[in-house]
Amino acid sequence: SETIRAMRDLKIDFSLHVSQKEFFDVFFSDDSIFAIEFHKERGDKEIIVSKWEAHVGPRKRRSVQFLSPTSASSVIKKIAGDSVTVIETQIYYYDGKLFSVRFLA
């Protein structure tokens, strides 16, 4: 069985002067380049962002896969090498009022 743990919960409670749809379109839509550019800036390579697909109820899911450099620690590099493959699952929910995105690894 597959076990997915939440990396962390971050709740943002403030107003933006854009609609939830505009926010989603800029940062999370299938046409958005934000995820790729974000990971490039972090130094990640081989970045693959899948398209959103139906999940449970009104939720949608996609995966973001990337090769991430390990820390500078020589001990970590001996164990994991110079980089590790990370597969992150993103799940979003929108019911017309509430918009949330969860990042799981």
PDB file of N, CA and C in Angstrom:
ATOM      1  N   SER A   1       0.837  -1.183   0.000  1.00  0.00           N
ATOM      2  CA  SER A   1       0.000   0.000   0.000  1.00  0.00           C
ATOM      3  C   SER A   1       0.881   1.246   0.000  1.00  0.00           C
ATOM      4  N   GLU A   2       0.373   2.282  -0.606  1.00  0.00           N
ATOM      5  CA  GLU A   2       1.129   3.532  -0.753  1.00  0.00           C
ATOM      6  C   GLU A   2       0.848   4.447   0.437  1.00  0.00           C
ATOM      7  N   THR A   3       1.891   4.919   1.076  1.00  0.00           N
ATOM      8  CA  THR A   3       1.752   5.851   2.182  1.00  0.00           C
ATOM      9  C   THR A   3       2.282   7.202   1.750  1.00  0.00           C
ATOM     10  N   ILE A   4       1.472   8.222   1.895  1.00  0.00           N
ATOM     11  CA  ILE A   4       1.873   9.584   1.547  1.00  0.00           C
ATOM     12  C   ILE A   4       1.763  10.428   2.801  1.00  0.00           C
ATOM     13  N   ARG A   5       2.844  11.132   3.143  1.00  0.00           N
ATOM     14  CA  ARG A   5       2.850  11.994   4.317  1.00  0.00           C
ATOM     15  C   ARG A   5       2.908  13.450   3.872  1.00  0.00           C
ATOM     16  N   ALA A   6       2.214  14.298   4.600  1.00  0.00           N
ATOM     17  CA  ALA A   6       2.288  15.732   4.317  1.00  0.00           C
ATOM     18  C   ALA A   6       3.651  16.244   4.738  1.00  0.00           C
ATOM     19  N   MET A   7       4.303  17.021   3.869  1.00  0.00           N
ATOM     20  CA  MET A   7       5.594  17.608   4.193  1.00  0.00           C
ATOM     21  C   MET A   7       5.429  18.641   5.298  1.00  0.00           C
ATOM     22  N   ARG A   8       4.441  19.482   5.187  1.00  0.00           N
ATOM     23  CA  ARG A   8       4.120  20.471   6.210  1.00  0.00           C
ATOM     24  C   ARG A   8       2.792  21.111   5.821  1.00  0.00           C
ATOM     25  N   ASP A   9       2.108  21.630   6.820  1.00  0.00           N
ATOM     26  CA  ASP A   9       0.872  22.359   6.559  1.00  0.00           C
ATOM     27  C   ASP A   9       1.167  23.835   6.690  1.00  0.00           C
ATOM     28  N   LEU A  10       0.811  24.592   5.684  1.00  0.00           N
ATOM     29  CA  LEU A  10       0.979  26.038   5.692  1.00  0.00           C
ATOM     30  C   LEU A  10      -0.379  26.639   5.354  1.00  0.00           C
ATOM     31  N   LYS A  11      -0.920  27.385   6.282  1.00  0.00           N
ATOM     32  CA  LYS A  11      -2.201  28.031   6.056  1.00  0.00           C
ATOM     33  C   LYS A  11      -1.953  29.515   5.902  1.00  0.00           C
ATOM     34  N   ILE A  12      -2.408  30.057   4.799  1.00  0.00           N
ATOM     35  CA  ILE A  12      -2.235  31.475   4.519  1.00  0.00           C
ATOM     36  C   ILE A  12      -3.595  32.146   4.645  1.00  0.00           C
ATOM     37  N   ASP A  13      -3.655  33.161   5.451  1.00  0.00           N
ATOM     38  CA  ASP A  13      -4.912  33.860   5.666  1.00  0.00           C
ATOM     39  C   ASP A  13      -4.699  35.355   5.455  1.00  0.00           C
ATOM     40  N   PHE A  14      -4.758  35.772   4.200  1.00  0.00           N
ATOM     41  CA  PHE A  14      -4.682  37.187   3.869  1.00  0.00           C
ATOM     42  C   PHE A  14      -5.340  37.398   2.521  1.00  0.00           C
ATOM     43  N   SER A  15      -5.601  38.637   2.210  1.00  0.00           N
ATOM     44  CA  SER A  15      -6.305  38.956   0.972  1.00  0.00           C
ATOM     45  C   SER A  15      -5.330  39.295  -0.147  1.00  0.00           C
ATOM     46  N   LEU A  16      -5.606  38.759  -1.301  1.00  0.00           N
ATOM     47  CA  LEU A  16      -4.893  39.127  -2.520  1.00  0.00           C
ATOM     48  C   LEU A  16      -5.884  39.842  -3.418  1.00  0.00           C
ATOM     49  N   HIS A  17      -5.388  40.693  -4.250  1.00  0.00           N
ATOM     50  CA  HIS A  17      -6.279  41.427  -5.140  1.00  0.00           C
ATOM     51  C   HIS A  17      -6.415  40.722  -6.486  1.00  0.00           C
ATOM     52  N   VAL A  18      -6.529  39.402  -6.413  1.00  0.00           N
ATOM     53  CA  VAL A  18      -6.798  38.574  -7.584  1.00  0.00           C
ATOM     54  C   VAL A  18      -7.816  37.522  -7.169  1.00  0.00           C
ATOM     55  N   SER A  19      -8.513  36.989  -8.139  1.00  0.00           N
ATOM     56  CA  SER A  19      -9.470  35.926  -7.825  1.00  0.00           C
ATOM     57  C   SER A  19      -8.709  34.625  -7.573  1.00  0.00           C
ATOM     58  N   GLN A  20      -9.407  33.681  -6.961  1.00  0.00           N
ATOM     59  CA  GLN A  20      -8.784  32.371  -6.742  1.00  0.00           C
ATOM     60  C   GLN A  20      -8.410  31.727  -8.068  1.00  0.00           C
ATOM     61  N   LYS A  21      -9.227  31.925  -9.079  1.00  0.00           N
ATOM     62  CA  LYS A  21      -8.932  31.367 -10.404  1.00  0.00           C
ATOM     63  C   LYS A  21      -7.664  31.988 -10.978  1.00  0.00           C
ATOM     64  N   GLU A  22      -7.531  33.321 -10.870  1.00  0.00           N
ATOM     65  CA  GLU A  22      -6.325  33.986 -11.376  1.00  0.00           C
ATOM     66  C   GLU A  22      -5.081  33.476 -10.645  1.00  0.00           C
ATOM     67  N   PHE A  23      -5.174  33.304  -9.322  1.00  0.00           N
ATOM     68  CA  PHE A  23      -4.060  32.783  -8.534  1.00  0.00           C
ATOM     69  C   PHE A  23      -3.689  31.386  -9.007  1.00  0.00           C
ATOM     70  N   PHE A  24      -4.699  30.531  -9.155  1.00  0.00           N
ATOM     71  CA  PHE A  24      -4.466  29.164  -9.624  1.00  0.00           C
ATOM     72  C   PHE A  24      -3.823  29.166 -11.002  1.00  0.00           C
ATOM     73  N   ASP A  25      -4.353  29.989 -11.909  1.00  0.00           N
ATOM     74  CA  ASP A  25      -3.823  30.036 -13.275  1.00  0.00           C
ATOM     75  C   ASP A  25      -2.345  30.420 -13.304  1.00  0.00           C
ATOM     76  N   VAL A  26      -1.941  31.374 -12.480  1.00  0.00           N
ATOM     77  CA  VAL A  26      -0.553  31.842 -12.460  1.00  0.00           C
ATOM     78  C   VAL A  26       0.382  30.808 -11.840  1.00  0.00           C
ATOM     79  N   PHE A  27      -0.036  30.194 -10.727  1.00  0.00           N
ATOM     80  CA  PHE A  27       0.879  29.339  -9.971  1.00  0.00           C
ATOM     81  C   PHE A  27       0.703  27.839 -10.180  1.00  0.00           C
ATOM     82  N   PHE A  28      -0.492  27.370 -10.530  1.00  0.00           N
ATOM     83  CA  PHE A  28      -0.730  25.933 -10.512  1.00  0.00           C
ATOM     84  C   PHE A  28      -1.353  25.330 -11.777  1.00  0.00           C
ATOM     85  N   SER A  29      -1.840  26.115 -12.691  1.00  0.00           N
ATOM     86  CA  SER A  29      -2.522  25.530 -13.850  1.00  0.00           C
ATOM     87  C   SER A  29      -1.554  24.715 -14.697  1.00  0.00           C
ATOM     88  N   ASP A  30      -2.116  23.865 -15.551  1.00  0.00           N
ATOM     89  CA  ASP A  30      -1.280  23.061 -16.446  1.00  0.00           C
ATOM     90  C   ASP A  30      -0.409  23.931 -17.346  1.00  0.00           C
ATOM     91  N   ASP A  31      -0.852  25.154 -17.629  1.00  0.00           N
ATOM     92  CA  ASP A  31      -0.089  26.063 -18.497  1.00  0.00           C
ATOM     93  C   ASP A  31       0.929  26.919 -17.733  1.00  0.00           C
ATOM     94  N   SER A  32       0.893  26.873 -16.401  1.00  0.00           N
ATOM     95  CA  SER A  32       1.795  27.687 -15.592  1.00  0.00           C
ATOM     96  C   SER A  32       3.226  27.157 -15.661  1.00  0.00           C
ATOM     97  N   ILE A  33       4.189  28.075 -15.712  1.00  0.00           N
ATOM     98  CA  ILE A  33       5.599  27.681 -15.687  1.00  0.00           C
ATOM     99  C   ILE A  33       6.202  27.872 -14.296  1.00  0.00           C
ATOM    100  N   PHE A  34       5.370  28.257 -13.315  1.00  0.00           N
ATOM    101  CA  PHE A  34       5.874  28.566 -11.988  1.00  0.00           C
ATOM    102  C   PHE A  34       6.632  27.392 -11.356  1.00  0.00           C
ATOM    103  N   ALA A  35       6.061  26.188 -11.357  1.00  0.00           N
ATOM    104  CA  ALA A  35       6.706  25.039 -10.699  1.00  0.00           C
ATOM    105  C   ALA A  35       8.074  24.754 -11.318  1.00  0.00           C
ATOM    106  N   ILE A  36       8.155  24.810 -12.630  1.00  0.00           N
ATOM    107  CA  ILE A  36       9.434  24.545 -13.306  1.00  0.00           C
ATOM    108  C   ILE A  36      10.443  25.626 -12.962  1.00  0.00           C
ATOM    109  N   GLU A  37      10.046  26.883 -13.036  1.00  0.00           N
ATOM    110  CA  GLU A  37      10.962  27.984 -12.728  1.00  0.00           C
ATOM    111  C   GLU A  37      11.381  27.966 -11.256  1.00  0.00           C
ATOM    112  N   PHE A  38      10.461  27.638 -10.363  1.00  0.00           N
ATOM    113  CA  PHE A  38      10.775  27.545  -8.940  1.00  0.00           C
ATOM    114  C   PHE A  38      11.870  26.505  -8.699  1.00  0.00           C
ATOM    115  N   HIS A  39      11.709  25.328  -9.298  1.00  0.00           N
ATOM    116  CA  HIS A  39      12.691  24.256  -9.094  1.00  0.00           C
ATOM    117  C   HIS A  39      14.018  24.563  -9.780  1.00  0.00           C
ATOM    118  N   LYS A  40      13.989  25.227 -10.906  1.00  0.00           N
ATOM    119  CA  LYS A  40      15.244  25.646 -11.546  1.00  0.00           C
ATOM    120  C   LYS A  40      16.016  26.593 -10.633  1.00  0.00           C
ATOM    121  N   GLU A  41      15.305  27.547 -10.011  1.00  0.00           N
ATOM    122  CA  GLU A  41      15.945  28.502  -9.104  1.00  0.00           C
ATOM    123  C   GLU A  41      16.554  27.817  -7.890  1.00  0.00           C
ATOM    124  N   ARG A  42      15.963  26.704  -7.466  1.00  0.00           N
ATOM    125  CA  ARG A  42      16.498  25.940  -6.332  1.00  0.00           C
ATOM    126  C   ARG A  42      17.727  25.121  -6.725  1.00  0.00           C
ATOM    127  N   GLY A  43      17.988  25.011  -8.031  1.00  0.00           N
ATOM    128  CA  GLY A  43      19.111  24.211  -8.494  1.00  0.00           C
ATOM    129  C   GLY A  43      18.719  22.788  -8.862  1.00  0.00           C
ATOM    130  N   ASP A  44      17.416  22.513  -8.887  1.00  0.00           N
ATOM    131  CA  ASP A  44      16.947  21.179  -9.257  1.00  0.00           C
ATOM    132  C   ASP A  44      17.061  20.996 -10.763  1.00  0.00           C
ATOM    133  N   LYS A  45      17.119  19.736 -11.184  1.00  0.00           N
ATOM    134  CA  LYS A  45      17.238  19.410 -12.613  1.00  0.00           C
ATOM    135  C   LYS A  45      16.224  18.323 -12.963  1.00  0.00           C
ATOM    136  N   GLU A  46      16.092  18.046 -14.252  1.00  0.00           N
ATOM    137  CA  GLU A  46      15.195  16.993 -14.751  1.00  0.00           C
ATOM    138  C   GLU A  46      13.791  17.129 -14.150  1.00  0.00           C
ATOM    139  N   ILE A  47      13.238  18.317 -14.269  1.00  0.00           N
ATOM    140  CA  ILE A  47      11.947  18.652 -13.653  1.00  0.00           C
ATOM    141  C   ILE A  47      10.810  18.216 -14.581  1.00  0.00           C
ATOM    142  N   ILE A  48       9.908  17.413 -14.031  1.00  0.00           N
ATOM    143  CA  ILE A  48       8.747  16.941 -14.790  1.00  0.00           C
ATOM    144  C   ILE A  48       7.495  17.268 -13.977  1.00  0.00           C
ATOM    145  N   VAL A  49       6.584  18.030 -14.567  1.00  0.00           N
ATOM    146  CA  VAL A  49       5.329  18.387 -13.918  1.00  0.00           C
ATOM    147  C   VAL A  49       4.201  17.754 -14.729  1.00  0.00           C
ATOM    148  N   SER A  50       3.467  16.836 -14.111  1.00  0.00           N
ATOM    149  CA  SER A  50       2.380  16.171 -14.834  1.00  0.00           C
ATOM    150  C   SER A  50       1.156  17.084 -14.904  1.00  0.00           C
ATOM    151  N   LYS A  51       0.215  16.725 -15.734  1.00  0.00           N
ATOM    152  CA  LYS A  51      -1.058  17.445 -15.833  1.00  0.00           C
ATOM    153  C   LYS A  51      -1.941  17.047 -14.648  1.00  0.00           C
ATOM    154  N   TRP A  52      -2.837  17.943 -14.255  1.00  0.00           N
ATOM    155  CA  TRP A  52      -3.788  17.635 -13.201  1.00  0.00           C
ATOM    156  C   TRP A  52      -4.733  16.551 -13.680  1.00  0.00           C
ATOM    157  N   GLU A  53      -5.078  15.639 -12.775  1.00  0.00           N
ATOM    158  CA  GLU A  53      -6.029  14.569 -13.096  1.00  0.00           C
ATOM    159  C   GLU A  53      -7.044  14.457 -11.962  1.00  0.00           C
ATOM    160  N   ALA A  54      -8.199  13.871 -12.266  1.00  0.00           N
ATOM    161  CA  ALA A  54      -9.231  13.698 -11.247  1.00  0.00           C
ATOM    162  C   ALA A  54      -8.684  12.856 -10.099  1.00  0.00           C
ATOM    163  N   HIS A  55      -9.091  13.204  -8.886  1.00  0.00           N
ATOM    164  CA  HIS A  55      -8.644  12.462  -7.703  1.00  0.00           C
ATOM    165  C   HIS A  55      -9.889  12.004  -6.957  1.00  0.00           C
ATOM    166  N   VAL A  56     -10.138  12.498  -5.769  1.00  0.00           N
ATOM    167  CA  VAL A  56     -11.291  12.102  -4.968  1.00  0.00           C
ATOM    168  C   VAL A  56     -12.263  13.277  -4.910  1.00  0.00           C
ATOM    169  N   GLY A  57     -13.507  13.048  -5.311  1.00  0.00           N
ATOM    170  CA  GLY A  57     -14.509  14.116  -5.286  1.00  0.00           C
ATOM    171  C   GLY A  57     -14.062  15.295  -6.125  1.00  0.00           C
ATOM    172  N   PRO A  58     -14.111  16.510  -5.548  1.00  0.00           N
ATOM    173  CA  PRO A  58     -13.739  17.699  -6.319  1.00  0.00           C
ATOM    174  C   PRO A  58     -12.218  17.935  -6.371  1.00  0.00           C
ATOM    175  N   ARG A  59     -11.454  17.020  -5.811  1.00  0.00           N
ATOM    176  CA  ARG A  59     -10.001  17.206  -5.762  1.00  0.00           C
ATOM    177  C   ARG A  59      -9.343  16.760  -7.069  1.00  0.00           C
ATOM    178  N   LYS A  60      -8.203  17.382  -7.352  1.00  0.00           N
ATOM    179  CA  LYS A  60      -7.372  17.000  -8.502  1.00  0.00           C
ATOM    180  C   LYS A  60      -5.968  16.733  -7.975  1.00  0.00           C
ATOM    181  N   ARG A  61      -5.206  15.939  -8.727  1.00  0.00           N
ATOM    182  CA  ARG A  61      -3.871  15.545  -8.284  1.00  0.00           C
ATOM    183  C   ARG A  61      -2.901  15.595  -9.461  1.00  0.00           C
ATOM    184  N   ARG A  62      -1.629  15.939  -9.151  1.00  0.00           N
ATOM    185  CA  ARG A  62      -0.560  15.863 -10.133  1.00  0.00           C
ATOM    186  C   ARG A  62       0.738  15.532  -9.406  1.00  0.00           C
ATOM    187  N   SER A  63       1.740  15.126 -10.170  1.00  0.00           N
ATOM    188  CA  SER A  63       3.042  14.869  -9.557  1.00  0.00           C
ATOM    189  C   SER A  63       4.073  15.829 -10.138  1.00  0.00           C
ATOM    190  N   VAL A  64       5.034  16.175  -9.295  1.00  0.00           N
ATOM    191  CA  VAL A  64       6.167  16.990  -9.698  1.00  0.00           C
ATOM    192  C   VAL A  64       7.405  16.174  -9.332  1.00  0.00           C
ATOM    193  N   GLN A  65       8.189  15.815 -10.340  1.00  0.00           N
ATOM    194  CA  GLN A  65       9.385  15.009 -10.120  1.00  0.00           C
ATOM    195  C   GLN A  65      10.604  15.833 -10.491  1.00  0.00           C
ATOM    196  N   PHE A  66      11.654  15.735  -9.674  1.00  0.00           N
ATOM    197  CA  PHE A  66      12.868  16.501  -9.959  1.00  0.00           C
ATOM    198  C   PHE A  66      14.070  15.844  -9.294  1.00  0.00           C
ATOM    199  N   LEU A  67      15.232  16.157  -9.817  1.00  0.00           N
ATOM    200  CA  LEU A  67      16.505  15.709  -9.276  1.00  0.00           C
ATOM    201  C   LEU A  67      17.065  16.870  -8.464  1.00  0.00           C
ATOM    202  N   SER A  68      17.211  16.657  -7.154  1.00  0.00           N
ATOM    203  CA  SER A  68      17.604  17.736  -6.250  1.00  0.00           C
ATOM    204  C   SER A  68      18.992  17.465  -5.677  1.00  0.00           C
ATOM    205  N   PRO A  69      19.858  18.485  -5.665  1.00  0.00           N
ATOM    206  CA  PRO A  69      21.188  18.288  -5.078  1.00  0.00           C
ATOM    207  C   PRO A  69      21.066  17.991  -3.584  1.00  0.00           C
ATOM    208  N   THR A  70      21.925  17.094  -3.092  1.00  0.00           N
ATOM    209  CA  THR A  70      21.931  16.808  -1.664  1.00  0.00           C
ATOM    210  C   THR A  70      22.714  17.894  -0.942  1.00  0.00           C
ATOM    211  N   SER A  71      22.659  17.866   0.365  1.00  0.00           N
ATOM    212  CA  SER A  71      23.363  18.877   1.159  1.00  0.00           C
ATOM    213  C   SER A  71      24.868  18.743   0.966  1.00  0.00           C
ATOM    214  N   ALA A  72      25.591  19.726   1.440  1.00  0.00           N
ATOM    215  CA  ALA A  72      27.049  19.735   1.293  1.00  0.00           C
ATOM    216  C   ALA A  72      27.722  18.738   2.237  1.00  0.00           C
ATOM    217  N   SER A  73      26.967  18.131   3.141  1.00  0.00           N
ATOM    218  CA  SER A  73      27.528  17.196   4.107  1.00  0.00           C
ATOM    219  C   SER A  73      28.130  15.981   3.396  1.00  0.00           C
ATOM    220  N   SER A  74      29.372  15.685   3.686  1.00  0.00           N
ATOM    221  CA  SER A  74      30.032  14.535   3.055  1.00  0.00           C
ATOM    222  C   SER A  74      29.377  13.222   3.474  1.00  0.00           C
ATOM    223  N   VAL A  75      28.838  13.161   4.677  1.00  0.00           N
ATOM    224  CA  VAL A  75      28.157  11.944   5.139  1.00  0.00           C
ATOM    225  C   VAL A  75      26.908  11.692   4.297  1.00  0.00           C
ATOM    226  N   ILE A  76      26.111  12.738   4.084  1.00  0.00           N
ATOM    227  CA  ILE A  76      24.898  12.603   3.268  1.00  0.00           C
ATOM    228  C   ILE A  76      25.268  12.220   1.844  1.00  0.00           C
ATOM    229  N   LYS A  77      26.289  12.841   1.288  1.00  0.00           N
ATOM    230  CA  LYS A  77      26.697  12.536  -0.083  1.00  0.00           C
ATOM    231  C   LYS A  77      27.156  11.084  -0.213  1.00  0.00           C
ATOM    232  N   LYS A  78      27.818  10.537   0.825  1.00  0.00           N
ATOM    233  CA  LYS A  78      28.239   9.131   0.782  1.00  0.00           C
ATOM    234  C   LYS A  78      27.041   8.200   0.779  1.00  0.00           C
ATOM    235  N   ILE A  79      25.986   8.583   1.497  1.00  0.00           N
ATOM    236  CA  ILE A  79      24.794   7.744   1.585  1.00  0.00           C
ATOM    237  C   ILE A  79      23.910   7.894   0.349  1.00  0.00           C
ATOM    238  N   ALA A  80      23.637   9.133  -0.043  1.00  0.00           N
ATOM    239  CA  ALA A  80      22.641   9.404  -1.091  1.00  0.00           C
ATOM    240  C   ALA A  80      23.244   9.799  -2.430  1.00  0.00           C
ATOM    241  N   GLY A  81      24.515  10.156  -2.466  1.00  0.00           N
ATOM    242  CA  GLY A  81      25.104  10.635  -3.709  1.00  0.00           C
ATOM    243  C   GLY A  81      24.978  12.145  -3.816  1.00  0.00           C
ATOM    244  N   ASP A  82      25.309  12.669  -4.971  1.00  0.00           N
ATOM    245  CA  ASP A  82      25.282  14.121  -5.183  1.00  0.00           C
ATOM    246  C   ASP A  82      23.872  14.687  -5.333  1.00  0.00           C
ATOM    247  N   SER A  83      22.916  13.824  -5.690  1.00  0.00           N
ATOM    248  CA  SER A  83      21.545  14.289  -5.864  1.00  0.00           C
ATOM    249  C   SER A  83      20.574  13.146  -5.584  1.00  0.00           C
ATOM    250  N   VAL A  84      19.339  13.521  -5.313  1.00  0.00           N
ATOM    251  CA  VAL A  84      18.283  12.540  -5.065  1.00  0.00           C
ATOM    252  C   VAL A  84      17.080  12.868  -5.942  1.00  0.00           C
ATOM    253  N   THR A  85      16.347  11.841  -6.339  1.00  0.00           N
ATOM    254  CA  THR A  85      15.115  12.033  -7.088  1.00  0.00           C
ATOM    255  C   THR A  85      13.976  12.220  -6.100  1.00  0.00           C
ATOM    256  N   VAL A  86      13.231  13.291  -6.279  1.00  0.00           N
ATOM    257  CA  VAL A  86      12.095  13.597  -5.416  1.00  0.00           C
ATOM    258  C   VAL A  86      10.836  13.521  -6.269  1.00  0.00           C
ATOM    259  N   ILE A  87       9.829  12.831  -5.746  1.00  0.00           N
ATOM    260  CA  ILE A  87       8.517  12.803  -6.393  1.00  0.00           C
ATOM    261  C   ILE A  87       7.528  13.386  -5.397  1.00  0.00           C
ATOM    262  N   GLU A  88       6.984  14.534  -5.759  1.00  0.00           N
ATOM    263  CA  GLU A  88       6.056  15.272  -4.898  1.00  0.00           C
ATOM    264  C   GLU A  88       4.661  15.136  -5.492  1.00  0.00           C
ATOM    265  N   THR A  89       3.685  14.835  -4.663  1.00  0.00           N
ATOM    266  CA  THR A  89       2.293  14.801  -5.102  1.00  0.00           C
ATOM    267  C   THR A  89       1.622  16.074  -4.631  1.00  0.00           C
ATOM    268  N   GLN A  90       0.944  16.747  -5.543  1.00  0.00           N
ATOM    269  CA  GLN A  90       0.189  17.953  -5.206  1.00  0.00           C
ATOM    270  C   GLN A  90      -1.292  17.644  -5.396  1.00  0.00           C
ATOM    271  N   ILE A  91      -2.083  18.016  -4.410  1.00  0.00           N
ATOM    272  CA  ILE A  91      -3.530  17.806  -4.480  1.00  0.00           C
ATOM    273  C   ILE A  91      -4.203  19.152  -4.243  1.00  0.00           C
ATOM    274  N   TYR A  92      -5.087  19.529  -5.158  1.00  0.00           N
ATOM    275  CA  TYR A  92      -5.813  20.780  -4.918  1.00  0.00           C
ATOM    276  C   TYR A  92      -7.303  20.528  -4.813  1.00  0.00           C
ATOM    277  N   TYR A  93      -7.931  21.434  -4.073  1.00  0.00           N
ATOM    278  CA  TYR A  93      -9.352  21.365  -3.804  1.00  0.00           C
ATOM    279  C   TYR A  93      -9.923  22.755  -3.996  1.00  0.00           C
ATOM    280  N   TYR A  94     -11.033  22.839  -4.690  1.00  0.00           N
ATOM    281  CA  TYR A  94     -11.726  24.117  -4.834  1.00  0.00           C
ATOM    282  C   TYR A  94     -13.213  23.830  -4.888  1.00  0.00           C
ATOM    283  N   ASP A  95     -13.971  24.442  -3.978  1.00  0.00           N
ATOM    284  CA  ASP A  95     -15.412  24.207  -3.935  1.00  0.00           C
ATOM    285  C   ASP A  95     -16.229  25.460  -4.246  1.00  0.00           C
ATOM    286  N   GLY A  96     -15.569  26.464  -4.832  1.00  0.00           N
ATOM    287  CA  GLY A  96     -16.248  27.713  -5.121  1.00  0.00           C
ATOM    288  C   GLY A  96     -16.016  28.762  -4.047  1.00  0.00           C
ATOM    289  N   LYS A  97     -15.608  28.314  -2.853  1.00  0.00           N
ATOM    290  CA  LYS A  97     -15.304  29.236  -1.757  1.00  0.00           C
ATOM    291  C   LYS A  97     -13.885  29.015  -1.239  1.00  0.00           C
ATOM    292  N   LEU A  98     -13.555  27.769  -0.968  1.00  0.00           N
ATOM    293  CA  LEU A  98     -12.258  27.425  -0.390  1.00  0.00           C
ATOM    294  C   LEU A  98     -11.336  26.855  -1.459  1.00  0.00           C
ATOM    295  N   PHE A  99     -10.109  27.367  -1.500  1.00  0.00           N
ATOM    296  CA  PHE A  99      -9.083  26.859  -2.415  1.00  0.00           C
ATOM    297  C   PHE A  99      -7.913  26.389  -1.554  1.00  0.00           C
ATOM    298  N   SER A 100      -7.490  25.155  -1.723  1.00  0.00           N
ATOM    299  CA  SER A 100      -6.329  24.673  -0.962  1.00  0.00           C
ATOM    300  C   SER A 100      -5.486  23.757  -1.852  1.00  0.00           C
ATOM    301  N   VAL A 101      -4.192  23.781  -1.588  1.00  0.00           N
ATOM    302  CA  VAL A 101      -3.251  22.909  -2.280  1.00  0.00           C
ATOM    303  C   VAL A 101      -2.412  22.219  -1.216  1.00  0.00           C
ATOM    304  N   ARG A 102      -2.294  20.902  -1.307  1.00  0.00           N
ATOM    305  CA  ARG A 102      -1.444  20.136  -0.387  1.00  0.00           C
ATOM    306  C   ARG A 102      -0.276  19.580  -1.185  1.00  0.00           C
ATOM    307  N   PHE A 103       0.882  19.605  -0.553  1.00  0.00           N
ATOM    308  CA  PHE A 103       2.107  19.075  -1.152  1.00  0.00           C
ATOM    309  C   PHE A 103       2.520  17.865  -0.324  1.00  0.00           C
ATOM    310  N   LEU A 104       2.617  16.707  -0.943  1.00  0.00           N
ATOM    311  CA  LEU A 104       2.950  15.470  -0.252  1.00  0.00           C
ATOM    312  C   LEU A 104       4.161  14.831  -0.889  1.00  0.00           C
ATOM    313  N   ALA A 105       4.997  14.203  -0.082  1.00  0.00           N
ATOM    314  CA  ALA A 105       6.161  13.505  -0.616  1.00  0.00           C
ATOM    315  C   ALA A 105       6.301  12.156   0.040  1.00  0.00           C
TER     316      ALA A 105
END
